[in-house]
Amino acid sequence: MDVRGIEKILKGKDEQEKIDTVSHLSDVFESYNKNIENFDELMDVLLYYALAEQNLEVKEELFDALSKAVTYQNIERINWDSLERHLPQLPLPCLTTAINILGMTHDQKYLPTIKTYTKHENGAVKGEAYIALKEMEHNRS
């Protein structure tokens, strides 16, 4: 996968091109193809731009792609610490997806952070935190 080309698009100003590119990546992740070239590097780029993106529509598309990757790909080597650190700054639609992503990592180090969101004032966020906790508990090694 051409990570530099994707990064160039994500750095650019064409919002529709960003959405189209990331939507295509979502489809690739969902295909169960476990041999995506440069996958780890691609995930780092997508996570970086998901956190940095200002356009909400593009940001949501990026978070959806990350969610698909977590669901369908092997993400064991991906470091999600920056996502955890940025949770308080995320808009609601991305926050619920981010909590889901952290839960799907099954990494117990994110457990305390997820637990704090079970007390969030927004019901959707609170509900997603409880689902993430169940996911982590269910898949505890």
Protein backbone atom coordinates (compact mmCIF):
# COMPACT_ATOMS: atom_id res chain seq x y z
CA MET A 1 0.00 0.00 0.00
CA ASP A 2 1.33 3.44 -0.92
CA VAL A 3 1.48 5.01 2.53
CA ARG A 4 3.26 8.17 1.28
CA GLY A 5 0.56 8.73 -1.35
CA ILE A 6 -2.18 8.31 1.24
CA GLU A 7 -0.38 10.65 3.61
CA LYS A 8 -0.07 13.26 0.84
CA ILE A 9 -3.84 13.10 0.29
CA LEU A 10 -4.54 13.38 4.03
CA LYS A 11 -2.21 16.42 4.25
CA GLY A 12 -4.01 18.07 1.35
CA LYS A 13 -7.03 20.35 1.23
CA ASP A 14 -9.41 18.25 -0.91
CA GLU A 15 -11.92 16.96 1.67
CA GLN A 16 -13.74 14.73 -0.82
CA GLU A 17 -10.51 13.09 -1.94
CA LYS A 18 -9.70 12.39 1.72
CA ILE A 19 -13.12 10.85 2.31
CA ASP A 20 -12.94 8.74 -0.84
CA THR A 21 -9.44 7.49 -0.02
CA VAL A 22 -10.25 6.63 3.59
CA SER A 23 -13.53 4.99 2.57
CA HIS A 24 -11.58 2.78 0.17
CA LEU A 25 -9.18 1.87 2.99
CA SER A 26 -12.15 0.90 5.16
CA ASP A 27 -13.27 -1.49 2.44
CA VAL A 28 -9.75 -2.95 2.22
CA PHE A 29 -9.61 -3.47 5.99
CA GLU A 30 -13.03 -5.10 5.98
CA SER A 31 -11.98 -7.54 3.25
CA TYR A 32 -10.19 -9.78 5.78
CA ASN A 33 -7.03 -9.47 3.70
CA LYS A 34 -4.42 -10.04 6.42
CA ASN A 35 -1.50 -9.24 4.10
CA ILE A 36 -1.90 -5.50 3.63
CA GLU A 37 1.49 -4.11 2.66
CA ASN A 38 2.89 -1.56 5.16
CA PHE A 39 -0.15 -2.05 7.41
CA ASP A 40 1.50 -0.91 10.66
CA GLU A 41 2.89 2.24 9.07
CA LEU A 42 -0.48 2.93 7.45
CA MET A 43 -2.23 2.62 10.80
CA ASP A 44 0.20 5.10 12.36
CA VAL A 45 -0.53 7.58 9.56
CA LEU A 46 -4.30 7.11 9.82
CA LEU A 47 -4.23 7.52 13.60
CA TYR A 48 -2.10 10.66 13.35
CA TYR A 49 -4.44 12.28 10.82
CA ALA A 50 -7.57 11.11 12.63
CA LEU A 51 -6.41 13.00 15.70
CA ALA A 52 -5.19 16.06 13.75
CA GLU A 53 -8.08 16.44 11.26
CA GLN A 54 -10.33 19.46 11.80
CA ASN A 55 -13.12 18.63 9.35
CA LEU A 56 -15.63 16.53 11.30
CA GLU A 57 -16.82 14.51 8.29
CA VAL A 58 -13.26 13.53 7.36
CA LYS A 59 -12.39 12.91 11.02
CA GLU A 60 -15.36 10.54 11.41
CA GLU A 61 -14.37 8.71 8.22
CA LEU A 62 -10.84 8.26 9.58
CA PHE A 63 -12.14 6.93 12.89
CA ASP A 64 -14.48 4.56 11.06
CA ALA A 65 -11.52 3.23 9.05
CA LEU A 66 -9.51 2.71 12.24
CA SER A 67 -12.48 0.90 13.73
CA LYS A 68 -12.71 -1.41 10.70
CA ALA A 69 -8.99 -2.13 10.96
CA VAL A 70 -9.33 -3.02 14.64
CA THR A 71 -12.29 -5.27 13.88
CA TYR A 72 -10.91 -7.13 10.86
CA GLN A 73 -7.11 -6.88 10.99
CA ASN A 74 -4.31 -7.89 13.33
CA ILE A 75 -3.55 -4.72 15.28
CA GLU A 76 -1.36 -6.23 18.01
CA ARG A 77 1.70 -4.17 17.01
CA ILE A 78 -0.15 -0.84 16.86
CA ASN A 79 0.40 1.60 19.72
CA TRP A 80 -2.87 3.29 20.67
CA ASP A 81 -1.46 5.48 23.46
CA SER A 82 -1.90 8.71 21.47
CA LEU A 83 -5.56 7.84 20.95
CA GLU A 84 -5.99 7.30 24.67
CA ARG A 85 -4.31 10.67 25.42
CA HIS A 86 -6.56 12.53 22.96
CA LEU A 87 -9.91 11.12 24.14
CA PRO A 88 -10.88 14.29 26.09
CA GLN A 89 -10.45 16.47 22.96
CA LEU A 90 -12.48 14.30 20.58
CA PRO A 91 -15.93 15.28 19.32
CA LEU A 92 -18.70 12.94 20.51
CA PRO A 93 -19.07 10.78 17.36
CA CYS A 94 -15.32 10.15 17.32
CA LEU A 95 -15.14 9.67 21.08
CA THR A 96 -17.55 6.74 21.04
CA THR A 97 -15.62 5.14 18.17
CA ALA A 98 -12.30 5.74 19.95
CA ILE A 99 -13.56 4.07 23.12
CA ASN A 100 -14.70 1.13 21.02
CA ILE A 101 -11.26 0.93 19.39
CA LEU A 102 -9.49 0.89 22.76
CA GLY A 103 -11.82 -1.86 23.95
CA MET A 104 -11.18 -3.93 20.84
CA THR A 105 -7.42 -3.79 21.43
CA HIS A 106 -8.00 -5.96 24.53
CA ASP A 107 -5.02 -4.17 26.05
CA GLN A 108 -5.61 -4.04 29.80
CA LYS A 109 -3.54 -0.86 30.17
CA TYR A 110 -6.49 1.07 28.70
CA LEU A 111 -8.93 -0.34 31.25
CA PRO A 112 -8.66 2.55 33.78
CA THR A 113 -9.26 5.13 31.03
CA ILE A 114 -12.26 3.28 29.66
CA LYS A 115 -13.69 2.94 33.18
CA THR A 116 -13.63 6.72 33.61
CA TYR A 117 -15.97 7.05 30.61
CA THR A 118 -18.62 4.89 32.31
CA LYS A 119 -19.36 8.06 34.30
CA HIS A 120 -19.60 10.37 31.26
CA GLU A 121 -22.63 12.65 31.09
CA ASN A 122 -23.46 11.52 27.54
CA GLY A 123 -25.40 8.25 27.45
CA ALA A 124 -23.87 7.08 24.16
CA VAL A 125 -20.35 7.57 25.49
CA LYS A 126 -21.24 5.87 28.77
CA GLY A 127 -22.85 2.96 26.92
CA GLU A 128 -19.85 2.53 24.62
CA ALA A 129 -17.53 2.50 27.64
CA TYR A 130 -19.54 -0.33 29.20
CA ILE A 131 -19.48 -2.27 25.91
CA ALA A 132 -15.71 -1.75 25.67
CA LEU A 133 -15.27 -3.01 29.24
CA LYS A 134 -17.28 -6.14 28.42
CA GLU A 135 -15.20 -6.67 25.29
CA MET A 136 -11.99 -6.43 27.30
CA GLU A 137 -13.32 -8.70 30.04
CA HIS A 138 -14.60 -11.26 27.53
CA ASN A 139 -11.24 -11.46 25.77
CA ARG A 140 -8.96 -11.22 28.80
CA SER A 141 -6.03 -13.55 28.41
